[in-house]
């Protein structure tokens, strides 16, 4: 039986993979795939205002003296991971439980 789970970070996926490996002889293969996705931000976000006091509902608008938009763009990378496991059908419930306990989501069994 093949089980696949998605993780928000590579560390979570590695912890889950080691937990699944420790389940015993019913686990035949555990593989980890890292997924990188570039996130583009153009820097044109500008705050509209801020609250001056939490005890009142006063709102102070921001009046910038210069353009707040940043001209240089920034890119960051989002890294997630997927774990693929091949195991006996009798061990599938233990594998899914271990994956869920360590933050796995979108778990699919075939």
C-alpha atoms as a PDB file:
ATOM      1  CA  UNK A   1       0.000   0.000   0.000  1.00  0.00           C
ATOM      2  CA  UNK A   2       1.296   3.473  -0.888  1.00  0.00           C
ATOM      3  CA  UNK A   3       0.621   6.396   1.491  1.00  0.00           C
ATOM      4  CA  UNK A   4       1.496  10.027   0.680  1.00  0.00           C
ATOM      5  CA  UNK A   5       1.394  12.996   3.071  1.00  0.00           C
ATOM      6  CA  UNK A   6       2.220  16.692   2.711  1.00  0.00           C
ATOM      7  CA  UNK A   7       4.116  18.708   5.344  1.00  0.00           C
ATOM      8  CA  UNK A   8       4.604  22.436   5.816  1.00  0.00           C
ATOM      9  CA  UNK A   9       8.323  22.111   6.516  1.00  0.00           C
ATOM     10  CA  UNK A  10      11.119  19.703   5.694  1.00  0.00           C
ATOM     11  CA  UNK A  11      11.897  19.226   9.399  1.00  0.00           C
ATOM     12  CA  UNK A  12       8.358  18.039  10.126  1.00  0.00           C
ATOM     13  CA  UNK A  13       8.580  15.623   7.212  1.00  0.00           C
ATOM     14  CA  UNK A  14      11.909  14.229   8.437  1.00  0.00           C
ATOM     15  CA  UNK A  15      10.558  13.692  11.964  1.00  0.00           C
ATOM     16  CA  UNK A  16       7.508  11.922  10.560  1.00  0.00           C
ATOM     17  CA  UNK A  17       9.641   9.768   8.254  1.00  0.00           C
ATOM     18  CA  UNK A  18      11.848   8.646  11.145  1.00  0.00           C
ATOM     19  CA  UNK A  19       8.754   7.863  13.234  1.00  0.00           C
ATOM     20  CA  UNK A  20       7.326   5.749  10.408  1.00  0.00           C
ATOM     21  CA  UNK A  21      10.637   3.929   9.924  1.00  0.00           C
ATOM     22  CA  UNK A  22      10.632   2.972  13.595  1.00  0.00           C
ATOM     23  CA  UNK A  23       7.242   1.230  13.260  1.00  0.00           C
ATOM     24  CA  UNK A  24       8.869  -2.030  12.208  1.00  0.00           C
ATOM     25  CA  UNK A  25       9.100  -4.654   9.509  1.00  0.00           C
ATOM     26  CA  UNK A  26       5.838  -3.739   7.755  1.00  0.00           C
ATOM     27  CA  UNK A  27       7.390  -0.564   6.312  1.00  0.00           C
ATOM     28  CA  UNK A  28       9.129  -1.277   3.000  1.00  0.00           C
ATOM     29  CA  UNK A  29      10.139   2.167   1.728  1.00  0.00           C
ATOM     30  CA  UNK A  30      10.069   5.755   3.034  1.00  0.00           C
ATOM     31  CA  UNK A  31      11.045   8.618   0.729  1.00  0.00           C
ATOM     32  CA  UNK A  32      11.008  12.373   1.210  1.00  0.00           C
ATOM     33  CA  UNK A  33      10.566  14.978  -1.532  1.00  0.00           C
ATOM     34  CA  UNK A  34      11.355  18.644  -0.948  1.00  0.00           C
ATOM     35  CA  UNK A  35       9.230  21.227  -2.752  1.00  0.00           C
ATOM     36  CA  UNK A  36      10.378  24.800  -3.243  1.00  0.00           C
ATOM     37  CA  UNK A  37       8.073  27.546  -4.421  1.00  0.00           C
ATOM     38  CA  UNK A  38       9.139  31.116  -5.072  1.00  0.00           C
ATOM     39  CA  UNK A  39       6.897  33.793  -3.638  1.00  0.00           C
ATOM     40  CA  UNK A  40       7.133  37.147  -5.370  1.00  0.00           C
ATOM     41  CA  UNK A  41       6.426  40.305  -3.431  1.00  0.00           C
ATOM     42  CA  UNK A  42       6.662  43.637  -5.213  1.00  0.00           C
ATOM     43  CA  UNK A  43       6.966  45.763  -2.074  1.00  0.00           C
ATOM     44  CA  UNK A  44       4.057  48.038  -2.913  1.00  0.00           C
ATOM     45  CA  UNK A  45       2.204  47.418   0.351  1.00  0.00           C
ATOM     46  CA  UNK A  46       1.571  50.596   2.309  1.00  0.00           C
ATOM     47  CA  UNK A  47      -0.307  50.750   5.617  1.00  0.00           C
ATOM     48  CA  UNK A  48      -3.477  52.815   5.566  1.00  0.00           C
ATOM     49  CA  UNK A  49      -3.452  53.784   9.226  1.00  0.00           C
ATOM     50  CA  UNK A  50      -3.041  52.567  12.777  1.00  0.00           C
ATOM     51  CA  UNK A  51      -4.982  52.525  16.014  1.00  0.00           C
ATOM     52  CA  UNK A  52      -3.668  55.056  18.500  1.00  0.00           C
ATOM     53  CA  UNK A  53      -5.130  53.489  21.631  1.00  0.00           C
ATOM     54  CA  UNK A  54      -6.510  50.021  22.206  1.00  0.00           C
ATOM     55  CA  UNK A  55      -9.078  51.285  24.732  1.00  0.00           C
ATOM     56  CA  UNK A  56     -10.762  53.612  22.234  1.00  0.00           C
ATOM     57  CA  UNK A  57     -11.826  53.231  18.651  1.00  0.00           C
ATOM     58  CA  UNK A  58      -9.732  56.104  17.326  1.00  0.00           C
ATOM     59  CA  UNK A  59      -8.021  55.520  14.000  1.00  0.00           C
ATOM     60  CA  UNK A  60      -5.044  57.634  12.928  1.00  0.00           C
ATOM     61  CA  UNK A  61      -4.491  57.731   9.161  1.00  0.00           C
ATOM     62  CA  UNK A  62      -0.931  57.609   7.916  1.00  0.00           C
ATOM     63  CA  UNK A  63       0.113  60.664   5.935  1.00  0.00           C
ATOM     64  CA  UNK A  64       3.445  59.824   4.329  1.00  0.00           C
ATOM     65  CA  UNK A  65       5.862  62.536   3.312  1.00  0.00           C
ATOM     66  CA  UNK A  66       7.236  60.374   0.525  1.00  0.00           C
ATOM     67  CA  UNK A  67       6.127  57.367  -1.464  1.00  0.00           C
ATOM     68  CA  UNK A  68       6.125  54.293   0.777  1.00  0.00           C
ATOM     69  CA  UNK A  69       6.400  51.793  -2.078  1.00  0.00           C
ATOM     70  CA  UNK A  70       9.750  50.050  -2.243  1.00  0.00           C
ATOM     71  CA  UNK A  71      11.236  49.940  -5.714  1.00  0.00           C
ATOM     72  CA  UNK A  72      13.344  46.796  -5.416  1.00  0.00           C
ATOM     73  CA  UNK A  73      11.418  43.550  -5.441  1.00  0.00           C
ATOM     74  CA  UNK A  74      12.013  40.818  -2.936  1.00  0.00           C
ATOM     75  CA  UNK A  75      11.554  37.121  -3.468  1.00  0.00           C
ATOM     76  CA  UNK A  76      11.331  34.527  -0.769  1.00  0.00           C
ATOM     77  CA  UNK A  77      11.139  30.767  -0.988  1.00  0.00           C
ATOM     78  CA  UNK A  78       8.498  28.618   0.625  1.00  0.00           C
ATOM     79  CA  UNK A  79       9.761  25.106   1.344  1.00  0.00           C
ATOM     80  CA  UNK A  80       7.375  22.240   1.951  1.00  0.00           C
ATOM     81  CA  UNK A  81       7.844  18.499   1.706  1.00  0.00           C
ATOM     82  CA  UNK A  82       6.027  15.308   0.863  1.00  0.00           C
ATOM     83  CA  UNK A  83       6.591  11.844   2.340  1.00  0.00           C
ATOM     84  CA  UNK A  84       5.829   8.683   0.364  1.00  0.00           C
ATOM     85  CA  UNK A  85       5.578   5.398   2.238  1.00  0.00           C
ATOM     86  CA  UNK A  86       5.118   1.868   0.952  1.00  0.00           C
ATOM     87  CA  UNK A  87       3.855  -0.476   3.637  1.00  0.00           C
ATOM     88  CA  UNK A  88       1.695  -3.511   4.304  1.00  0.00           C
ATOM     89  CA  UNK A  89      -2.047  -2.804   4.268  1.00  0.00           C
ATOM     90  CA  UNK A  90      -2.250  -4.105   7.840  1.00  0.00           C
ATOM     91  CA  UNK A  91       0.131  -1.338   9.002  1.00  0.00           C
ATOM     92  CA  UNK A  92      -1.655   1.508   7.167  1.00  0.00           C
ATOM     93  CA  UNK A  93      -3.553   2.761  10.225  1.00  0.00           C
ATOM     94  CA  UNK A  94      -0.353   3.009  12.275  1.00  0.00           C
ATOM     95  CA  UNK A  95       1.409   4.857   9.455  1.00  0.00           C
ATOM     96  CA  UNK A  96      -1.430   7.350   8.954  1.00  0.00           C
ATOM     97  CA  UNK A  97      -1.593   7.939  12.713  1.00  0.00           C
ATOM     98  CA  UNK A  98       2.153   8.632  12.890  1.00  0.00           C
ATOM     99  CA  UNK A  99       1.923  11.044   9.962  1.00  0.00           C
ATOM    100  CA  UNK A 100      -1.024  12.942  11.423  1.00  0.00           C
ATOM    101  CA  UNK A 101       0.613  13.175  14.866  1.00  0.00           C
ATOM    102  CA  UNK A 102       3.628  14.885  13.312  1.00  0.00           C
ATOM    103  CA  UNK A 103       1.745  17.476  11.263  1.00  0.00           C
ATOM    104  CA  UNK A 104       0.965  15.637   8.047  1.00  0.00           C
ATOM    105  CA  UNK A 105      -1.972  16.773   5.953  1.00  0.00           C
ATOM    106  CA  UNK A 106      -3.535  15.835   2.608  1.00  0.00           C
ATOM    107  CA  UNK A 107      -2.838  12.180   3.416  1.00  0.00           C
ATOM    108  CA  UNK A 108      -3.724   9.843   0.572  1.00  0.00           C
ATOM    109  CA  UNK A 109      -3.628   6.047   0.566  1.00  0.00           C
ATOM    110  CA  UNK A 110      -3.675   3.974  -2.628  1.00  0.00           C
END
